[in-house]
Protein backbone atom coordinates (compact mmCIF):
# COMPACT_ATOMS: atom_id res chain seq x y z
CA UNK A 1 97.44 115.96 100.80
CA UNK A 2 98.69 112.47 101.57
CA UNK A 3 100.74 112.26 104.74
CA UNK A 4 104.21 110.70 104.74
CA UNK A 5 104.73 108.51 107.81
CA UNK A 6 108.22 108.60 109.29
CA UNK A 7 109.97 107.97 112.55
CA UNK A 8 111.67 110.79 114.47
CA UNK A 9 115.00 109.38 113.22
CA UNK A 10 113.74 109.50 109.62
CA UNK A 11 112.66 113.12 110.03
CA UNK A 12 116.06 114.02 111.48
CA UNK A 13 117.89 112.30 108.61
CA UNK A 14 115.83 114.22 106.03
CA UNK A 15 116.33 117.55 107.81
CA UNK A 16 120.11 116.92 107.98
CA UNK A 17 120.22 116.04 104.29
CA UNK A 18 118.24 119.18 103.44
CA UNK A 19 120.66 121.38 105.39
CA UNK A 20 123.64 119.70 103.67
CA UNK A 21 122.11 120.14 100.22
CA UNK A 22 121.33 123.82 100.81
CA UNK A 23 124.50 124.86 102.63
CA UNK A 24 127.19 122.62 101.09
CA UNK A 25 126.09 121.10 97.80
CA UNK A 26 124.17 124.04 96.32
CA UNK A 27 127.05 126.55 96.82
CA UNK A 28 129.58 124.00 95.51
CA UNK A 29 127.51 123.46 92.35
CA UNK A 30 127.05 127.21 91.82
CA UNK A 31 130.83 127.63 92.05
CA UNK A 32 131.34 124.78 89.55
CA UNK A 33 128.91 126.44 87.10
CA UNK A 34 130.72 129.78 87.48
CA UNK A 35 134.08 128.07 86.90
CA UNK A 36 132.78 126.30 83.80
CA UNK A 37 131.32 129.57 82.44
CA UNK A 38 134.71 131.21 82.76
CA UNK A 39 136.09 128.73 80.21
CA UNK A 40 134.19 130.43 77.41
CA UNK A 41 131.90 128.83 74.81
CA UNK A 42 129.06 127.08 76.69
CA UNK A 43 127.78 125.17 73.65
CA UNK A 44 130.63 122.64 73.81
CA UNK A 45 131.45 122.86 77.49
CA UNK A 46 131.02 119.42 79.11
CA UNK A 47 131.89 120.75 82.58
CA UNK A 48 129.10 123.32 82.34
CA UNK A 49 126.57 120.71 81.14
CA UNK A 50 127.55 118.34 83.96
CA UNK A 51 127.31 121.07 86.59
CA UNK A 52 123.89 122.20 85.30
CA UNK A 53 122.64 118.59 85.38
CA UNK A 54 123.94 118.16 88.93
CA UNK A 55 122.21 121.42 89.89
CA UNK A 56 118.92 120.13 88.51
CA UNK A 57 119.21 116.88 90.48
CA UNK A 58 120.13 118.76 93.66
CA UNK A 59 117.20 121.16 93.33
CA UNK A 60 114.82 118.25 92.61
CA UNK A 61 116.01 116.44 95.75
CA UNK A 62 115.59 119.61 97.82
CA UNK A 63 111.98 119.99 96.58
CA UNK A 64 111.32 116.29 97.26
CA UNK A 65 112.61 116.52 100.84
CA UNK A 66 110.72 119.75 101.52
CA UNK A 67 107.48 118.15 100.25
CA UNK A 68 108.00 115.07 102.42
CA UNK A 69 108.73 117.15 105.50
CA UNK A 70 105.69 119.37 104.81
CA UNK A 71 103.44 116.31 104.72
CA UNK A 72 105.28 114.37 107.43
CA UNK A 73 103.37 112.41 110.02
CA UNK A 74 106.12 111.77 112.57
CA UNK A 75 105.23 108.73 114.64
CA UNK A 76 107.17 108.23 117.86
CA UNK A 77 106.34 104.65 118.72
CA UNK A 78 107.93 104.94 122.19
CA UNK A 79 104.95 107.09 123.23
CA UNK A 80 102.25 104.74 121.93
CA UNK A 81 102.52 101.56 124.02
CA UNK A 82 99.49 100.95 126.20
CA UNK A 83 100.79 99.56 129.53
CA UNK A 84 97.39 97.90 130.15
CA UNK A 85 97.61 95.86 126.94
CA UNK A 86 98.65 92.23 127.41
CA UNK A 87 99.48 91.74 123.72
CA UNK A 88 101.49 94.12 121.64
CA UNK A 89 100.21 95.04 118.18
CA UNK A 90 102.60 95.53 115.26
CA UNK A 91 102.38 99.12 114.06
CA UNK A 92 104.53 101.55 112.09
CA UNK A 93 107.81 102.25 113.90
CA UNK A 94 107.92 99.16 116.07
CA UNK A 95 110.68 96.54 116.15
CA UNK A 96 109.57 92.97 115.50
CA UNK A 97 111.40 89.73 116.27
CA UNK A 98 110.26 86.89 114.02
CA UNK A 99 111.12 83.22 113.65
CA UNK A 100 110.92 81.61 110.22
CA UNK A 101 108.84 78.49 110.88
CA UNK A 102 110.56 76.55 108.07
CA UNK A 103 114.19 77.26 109.04
CA UNK A 104 113.91 78.32 112.72
CA UNK A 105 116.01 81.35 111.75
CA UNK A 106 115.34 84.45 113.82
CA UNK A 107 115.16 87.89 112.20
CA UNK A 108 114.52 91.35 113.64
CA UNK A 109 112.92 94.14 111.58
CA UNK A 110 112.03 97.72 112.36
CA UNK A 111 109.15 99.07 110.26
CA UNK A 112 110.05 102.56 109.03
CA UNK A 113 109.30 105.14 106.33
CA UNK A 114 110.48 104.77 102.74
CA UNK A 115 113.41 107.18 103.02
CA UNK A 116 114.96 105.49 106.03
CA UNK A 117 114.55 101.89 104.85
CA UNK A 118 117.84 99.95 104.75
CA UNK A 119 117.59 96.17 104.50
CA UNK A 120 121.26 95.75 105.56
CA UNK A 121 120.29 97.35 108.88
CA UNK A 122 116.96 95.44 109.01
CA UNK A 123 115.00 98.67 108.55
CA UNK A 124 112.10 97.84 106.23
CA UNK A 125 109.66 100.23 104.59
CA UNK A 126 106.04 99.99 105.67
CA UNK A 127 105.24 99.50 101.96
CA UNK A 128 107.18 96.23 101.58
CA UNK A 129 105.28 92.93 101.38
CA UNK A 130 106.80 91.75 104.69
CA UNK A 131 105.82 94.93 106.56
CA UNK A 132 102.33 94.88 105.05
CA UNK A 133 101.94 91.28 106.19
CA UNK A 134 103.08 92.15 109.71
CA UNK A 135 101.11 95.35 110.37
CA UNK A 136 98.15 94.75 112.65
CA UNK A 137 99.39 91.37 113.90
CA UNK A 138 100.25 90.60 117.54
CA UNK A 139 102.95 88.85 119.57
CA UNK A 140 102.44 85.10 119.34
CA UNK A 141 100.67 85.20 115.97
CA UNK A 142 101.72 82.82 113.23
CA UNK A 143 101.45 84.44 109.84
CA UNK A 144 102.00 83.62 106.21
CA UNK A 145 103.44 86.44 104.14
CA UNK A 146 103.42 86.44 100.36
CA UNK A 147 106.67 87.77 98.88
CA UNK A 148 107.87 87.80 95.27
CA UNK A 149 109.75 84.49 95.78
CA UNK A 150 106.76 82.68 97.31
CA UNK A 151 105.58 82.67 100.90
CA UNK A 152 107.26 82.82 104.29
CA UNK A 153 105.72 81.49 107.48
CA UNK A 154 106.68 83.45 110.58
CA UNK A 155 105.86 83.39 114.23
CA UNK A 156 105.90 86.80 115.91
CA UNK A 157 108.13 86.32 118.95
CA UNK A 158 108.39 89.87 120.22
CA UNK A 159 107.05 93.34 119.39
CA UNK A 160 108.91 96.28 120.89
CA UNK A 161 108.02 99.95 120.87
CA UNK A 162 111.61 101.23 121.09
């Protein structure tokens, strides 16, 4: 079974979503199905069809979350830093400060699991081209990362295990 890497925050978000789906959404959908059934003929009942479709999507998401949590490899980066190390390596879960060598623009990314990725919050999935280009590099490295629009040249300014 392939493990799903995630941060402790990512695991907590999934567990909270699972609880919400099972305790709030599932009962609400069951009530909507019962209400739609009470209207009679199910063959032309759009409310019933919509509720059944929503039930299917809810149950699929529950199964998806349960599978991810069952195969979760929770990585708490705050416990991994080697105090003897003079250079800090970029790994899953760390926060990286980069400078674009062409524009001198600074950007900060945290490398996270797929379910917690949010580019607006600078949380990038470990599967993105930028994260793949960063993993294994060190503070002070200059790197060229291939992205769909071309390439970006970065200098790694800081790597934090926070």
